[in-house]
Amino acid sequence: MKKLCYLLLLIFTFNGFAQGSKLTDEQKIEQVIHEFFKALETRDTLLMKQTTMADAQIWRRRNNKAPVEIDMRFRKDDLREMPSYPKLREVPLSFEILVGNGIAMAWVPYRFWIEDAFSHCGTDAVTLFEVEGEWKIISMAYTVETENCD
């Protein structure tokens, strides 16, 4: 009888843990964005490939320039340059995520450091597609701000 009680307790414990470990789409998306930032910080091209689609675009709006500068590059071009990047660190401040039918958008205010010196703040607008059960970044647009970064 004692063994049966332990067995039942063990089954209920694992069952409850398994149900609690399922991630929502929003949590999976947030995780992919964190992994993207980690790839940038560690210059990990393999992790960058795992978090993005091959033809992902990266758009930048430099609000700290006059006139405002806007440019675009492809993620595949960044992969060639990543090994020579200086030490970079991007820290998300919050996540606002919308999900529907295999497409998602994340609004992510951030702060950015280069070589341990604060560089700028801004907002990332990240678009993702769900591909074979995994979320992948298809585009990222971000602003560069040097004022009001408190």
C-alpha atoms as a PDB file:
ATOM      1  CA  MET A   1       0.000   0.000   0.000  1.00  0.00           C
ATOM      2  CA  LYS A   2       2.831   2.340   0.891  1.00  0.00           C
ATOM      3  CA  LYS A   3       4.506   1.675  -2.479  1.00  0.00           C
ATOM      4  CA  LEU A   4       1.234   2.389  -4.293  1.00  0.00           C
ATOM      5  CA  CYS A   5       0.905   5.754  -2.523  1.00  0.00           C
ATOM      6  CA  TYR A   6       4.458   6.694  -3.491  1.00  0.00           C
ATOM      7  CA  LEU A   7       3.827   5.608  -7.068  1.00  0.00           C
ATOM      8  CA  LEU A   8       0.643   7.677  -7.312  1.00  0.00           C
ATOM      9  CA  LEU A   9       2.375  10.671  -5.757  1.00  0.00           C
ATOM     10  CA  LEU A  10       5.229  10.317  -8.243  1.00  0.00           C
ATOM     11  CA  ILE A  11       2.831  10.088 -11.208  1.00  0.00           C
ATOM     12  CA  PHE A  12       0.861  13.170 -10.122  1.00  0.00           C
ATOM     13  CA  THR A  13       4.060  15.110  -9.493  1.00  0.00           C
ATOM     14  CA  PHE A  14       5.471  14.393 -12.973  1.00  0.00           C
ATOM     15  CA  ASN A  15       2.095  14.994 -14.609  1.00  0.00           C
ATOM     16  CA  GLY A  16       1.743  18.369 -12.895  1.00  0.00           C
ATOM     17  CA  PHE A  17       5.322  19.310 -13.790  1.00  0.00           C
ATOM     18  CA  ALA A  18       4.811  18.347 -17.447  1.00  0.00           C
ATOM     19  CA  GLN A  19       1.684  20.489 -17.705  1.00  0.00           C
ATOM     20  CA  GLY A  20       3.400  23.424 -16.015  1.00  0.00           C
ATOM     21  CA  SER A  21       6.417  23.242 -18.335  1.00  0.00           C
ATOM     22  CA  LYS A  22       4.442  23.859 -21.548  1.00  0.00           C
ATOM     23  CA  LEU A  23       5.326  27.267 -22.922  1.00  0.00           C
ATOM     24  CA  THR A  24       2.825  29.623 -24.492  1.00  0.00           C
ATOM     25  CA  ASP A  25       3.563  31.124 -27.899  1.00  0.00           C
ATOM     26  CA  GLU A  26       4.327  34.421 -26.188  1.00  0.00           C
ATOM     27  CA  GLN A  27       6.906  32.728 -23.933  1.00  0.00           C
ATOM     28  CA  LYS A  28       8.468  30.925 -26.909  1.00  0.00           C
ATOM     29  CA  ILE A  29       8.705  34.202 -28.829  1.00  0.00           C
ATOM     30  CA  GLU A  30      10.277  35.998 -25.879  1.00  0.00           C
ATOM     31  CA  GLN A  31      12.759  33.131 -25.590  1.00  0.00           C
ATOM     32  CA  VAL A  32      13.699  33.399 -29.297  1.00  0.00           C
ATOM     33  CA  ILE A  33      14.306  37.134 -28.925  1.00  0.00           C
ATOM     34  CA  HIS A  34      16.496  36.550 -25.839  1.00  0.00           C
ATOM     35  CA  GLU A  35      18.447  33.938 -27.829  1.00  0.00           C
ATOM     36  CA  PHE A  36      18.874  36.437 -30.682  1.00  0.00           C
ATOM     37  CA  PHE A  37      20.355  38.950 -28.206  1.00  0.00           C
ATOM     38  CA  LYS A  38      22.579  36.212 -26.754  1.00  0.00           C
ATOM     39  CA  ALA A  39      23.812  35.341 -30.267  1.00  0.00           C
ATOM     40  CA  LEU A  40      24.676  38.991 -30.806  1.00  0.00           C
ATOM     41  CA  GLU A  41      26.488  39.248 -27.465  1.00  0.00           C
ATOM     42  CA  THR A  42      28.448  36.006 -27.871  1.00  0.00           C
ATOM     43  CA  ARG A  43      28.975  36.396 -31.643  1.00  0.00           C
ATOM     44  CA  ASP A  44      27.376  32.964 -32.043  1.00  0.00           C
ATOM     45  CA  THR A  45      26.544  32.643 -35.736  1.00  0.00           C
ATOM     46  CA  LEU A  46      24.957  29.200 -35.281  1.00  0.00           C
ATOM     47  CA  LEU A  47      22.525  30.531 -32.650  1.00  0.00           C
ATOM     48  CA  MET A  48      21.808  33.522 -34.908  1.00  0.00           C
ATOM     49  CA  LYS A  49      20.915  31.126 -37.745  1.00  0.00           C
ATOM     50  CA  GLN A  50      18.669  29.108 -35.411  1.00  0.00           C
ATOM     51  CA  THR A  51      16.653  32.162 -34.319  1.00  0.00           C
ATOM     52  CA  THR A  52      16.174  33.820 -37.717  1.00  0.00           C
ATOM     53  CA  MET A  53      15.032  32.999 -41.231  1.00  0.00           C
ATOM     54  CA  ALA A  54      17.810  32.940 -43.839  1.00  0.00           C
ATOM     55  CA  ASP A  55      16.560  36.071 -45.618  1.00  0.00           C
ATOM     56  CA  ALA A  56      15.617  38.021 -42.478  1.00  0.00           C
ATOM     57  CA  GLN A  57      15.899  41.786 -42.816  1.00  0.00           C
ATOM     58  CA  ILE A  58      17.152  44.230 -40.225  1.00  0.00           C
ATOM     59  CA  TRP A  59      15.993  47.838 -40.519  1.00  0.00           C
ATOM     60  CA  ARG A  60      17.522  50.671 -38.502  1.00  0.00           C
ATOM     61  CA  ARG A  61      16.189  54.168 -37.912  1.00  0.00           C
ATOM     62  CA  ARG A  62      18.793  56.479 -36.370  1.00  0.00           C
ATOM     63  CA  ASN A  63      16.765  59.157 -34.643  1.00  0.00           C
ATOM     64  CA  ASN A  64      19.988  60.486 -33.124  1.00  0.00           C
ATOM     65  CA  LYS A  65      21.122  61.790 -36.539  1.00  0.00           C
ATOM     66  CA  ALA A  66      19.988  64.915 -38.371  1.00  0.00           C
ATOM     67  CA  PRO A  67      18.442  64.231 -40.773  1.00  0.00           C
ATOM     68  CA  VAL A  68      17.152  60.875 -39.541  1.00  0.00           C
ATOM     69  CA  GLU A  69      18.996  57.974 -41.206  1.00  0.00           C
ATOM     70  CA  ILE A  70      17.252  54.765 -42.261  1.00  0.00           C
ATOM     71  CA  ASP A  71      19.051  51.707 -43.602  1.00  0.00           C
ATOM     72  CA  MET A  72      18.469  48.000 -44.134  1.00  0.00           C
ATOM     73  CA  ARG A  73      20.684  44.952 -44.155  1.00  0.00           C
ATOM     74  CA  PHE A  74      20.168  41.209 -44.412  1.00  0.00           C
ATOM     75  CA  ARG A  75      20.902  38.885 -41.496  1.00  0.00           C
ATOM     76  CA  LYS A  76      23.070  36.732 -43.768  1.00  0.00           C
ATOM     77  CA  ASP A  77      25.374  39.728 -44.269  1.00  0.00           C
ATOM     78  CA  ASP A  78      25.623  40.205 -40.496  1.00  0.00           C
ATOM     79  CA  LEU A  79      26.789  36.600 -40.112  1.00  0.00           C
ATOM     80  CA  ARG A  80      29.968  37.373 -42.059  1.00  0.00           C
ATOM     81  CA  GLU A  81      30.720  40.379 -39.841  1.00  0.00           C
ATOM     82  CA  MET A  82      29.785  38.903 -36.440  1.00  0.00           C
ATOM     83  CA  PRO A  83      33.222  37.459 -35.560  1.00  0.00           C
ATOM     84  CA  SER A  84      34.743  40.952 -35.803  1.00  0.00           C
ATOM     85  CA  TYR A  85      32.035  42.727 -33.756  1.00  0.00           C
ATOM     86  CA  PRO A  86      33.128  44.550 -30.601  1.00  0.00           C
ATOM     87  CA  LYS A  87      31.617  43.407 -27.311  1.00  0.00           C
ATOM     88  CA  LEU A  88      27.873  44.115 -27.604  1.00  0.00           C
ATOM     89  CA  ARG A  89      25.039  43.762 -25.107  1.00  0.00           C
ATOM     90  CA  GLU A  90      21.361  44.456 -25.704  1.00  0.00           C
ATOM     91  CA  VAL A  91      18.998  44.347 -22.738  1.00  0.00           C
ATOM     92  CA  PRO A  92      15.230  44.197 -23.321  1.00  0.00           C
ATOM     93  CA  LEU A  93      13.180  46.305 -20.908  1.00  0.00           C
ATOM     94  CA  SER A  94       9.781  44.741 -21.610  1.00  0.00           C
ATOM     95  CA  PHE A  95       7.875  42.685 -24.167  1.00  0.00           C
ATOM     96  CA  GLU A  96       4.521  43.370 -25.779  1.00  0.00           C
ATOM     97  CA  ILE A  97       3.676  40.417 -28.033  1.00  0.00           C
ATOM     98  CA  LEU A  98       0.771  39.854 -30.413  1.00  0.00           C
ATOM     99  CA  VAL A  99       0.239  36.400 -31.922  1.00  0.00           C
ATOM    100  CA  GLY A 100      -2.181  35.104 -34.542  1.00  0.00           C
ATOM    101  CA  ASN A 101      -2.224  32.243 -37.050  1.00  0.00           C
ATOM    102  CA  GLY A 102       1.522  31.600 -37.231  1.00  0.00           C
ATOM    103  CA  ILE A 103       2.633  35.237 -37.295  1.00  0.00           C
ATOM    104  CA  ALA A 104       3.694  37.385 -34.366  1.00  0.00           C
ATOM    105  CA  MET A 105       4.923  40.872 -33.596  1.00  0.00           C
ATOM    106  CA  ALA A 106       6.965  41.832 -30.541  1.00  0.00           C
ATOM    107  CA  TRP A 107       7.472  45.419 -29.354  1.00  0.00           C
ATOM    108  CA  VAL A 108      10.643  45.501 -27.254  1.00  0.00           C
ATOM    109  CA  PRO A 109      12.119  48.685 -25.749  1.00  0.00           C
ATOM    110  CA  TYR A 110      15.833  48.104 -25.098  1.00  0.00           C
ATOM    111  CA  ARG A 111      19.152  49.532 -23.913  1.00  0.00           C
ATOM    112  CA  PHE A 112      22.424  48.854 -25.721  1.00  0.00           C
ATOM    113  CA  TRP A 113      26.086  48.757 -24.656  1.00  0.00           C
ATOM    114  CA  ILE A 114      29.253  48.594 -26.760  1.00  0.00           C
ATOM    115  CA  GLU A 115      32.449  47.511 -24.986  1.00  0.00           C
ATOM    116  CA  ASP A 116      30.756  47.946 -21.570  1.00  0.00           C
ATOM    117  CA  ALA A 117      29.901  51.592 -22.317  1.00  0.00           C
ATOM    118  CA  PHE A 118      26.253  52.608 -22.668  1.00  0.00           C
ATOM    119  CA  SER A 119      25.633  53.456 -26.315  1.00  0.00           C
ATOM    120  CA  HIS A 120      21.925  54.060 -26.860  1.00  0.00           C
ATOM    121  CA  CYS A 121      18.366  52.980 -26.238  1.00  0.00           C
ATOM    122  CA  GLY A 122      15.451  52.427 -28.570  1.00  0.00           C
ATOM    123  CA  THR A 123      12.669  50.083 -29.547  1.00  0.00           C
ATOM    124  CA  ASP A 124      12.837  46.819 -31.482  1.00  0.00           C
ATOM    125  CA  ALA A 125       9.822  45.831 -33.593  1.00  0.00           C
ATOM    126  CA  VAL A 126      10.311  42.120 -34.275  1.00  0.00           C
ATOM    127  CA  THR A 127       8.213  40.104 -36.740  1.00  0.00           C
ATOM    128  CA  LEU A 128       8.224  36.321 -36.465  1.00  0.00           C
ATOM    129  CA  PHE A 129       6.725  33.361 -38.321  1.00  0.00           C
ATOM    130  CA  GLU A 130       6.041  29.939 -36.841  1.00  0.00           C
ATOM    131  CA  VAL A 131       7.848  27.398 -39.013  1.00  0.00           C
ATOM    132  CA  GLU A 132       7.450  23.678 -38.279  1.00  0.00           C
ATOM    133  CA  GLY A 133       6.538  24.402 -34.655  1.00  0.00           C
ATOM    134  CA  GLU A 134       9.352  26.897 -34.017  1.00  0.00           C
ATOM    135  CA  TRP A 135       9.234  30.699 -34.019  1.00  0.00           C
ATOM    136  CA  LYS A 136      11.777  32.402 -36.305  1.00  0.00           C
ATOM    137  CA  ILE A 137      12.531  36.092 -36.711  1.00  0.00           C
ATOM    138  CA  ILE A 138      11.759  37.240 -40.261  1.00  0.00           C
ATOM    139  CA  SER A 139      12.455  40.937 -39.714  1.00  0.00           C
ATOM    140  CA  MET A 140      13.556  43.362 -37.079  1.00  0.00           C
ATOM    141  CA  ALA A 141      13.222  47.121 -37.196  1.00  0.00           C
ATOM    142  CA  TYR A 142      14.765  49.227 -34.476  1.00  0.00           C
ATOM    143  CA  THR A 143      15.337  52.809 -33.473  1.00  0.00           C
ATOM    144  CA  VAL A 144      18.537  54.322 -32.133  1.00  0.00           C
ATOM    145  CA  GLU A 145      18.018  56.995 -29.501  1.00  0.00           C
ATOM    146  CA  THR A 146      20.667  58.772 -27.422  1.00  0.00           C
ATOM    147  CA  GLU A 147      18.324  61.002 -25.438  1.00  0.00           C
ATOM    148  CA  ASN A 148      15.628  60.151 -22.890  1.00  0.00           C
ATOM    149  CA  CYS A 149      17.130  56.734 -22.128  1.00  0.00           C
ATOM    150  CA  ASP A 150      16.409  56.974 -18.394  1.00  0.00           C
END
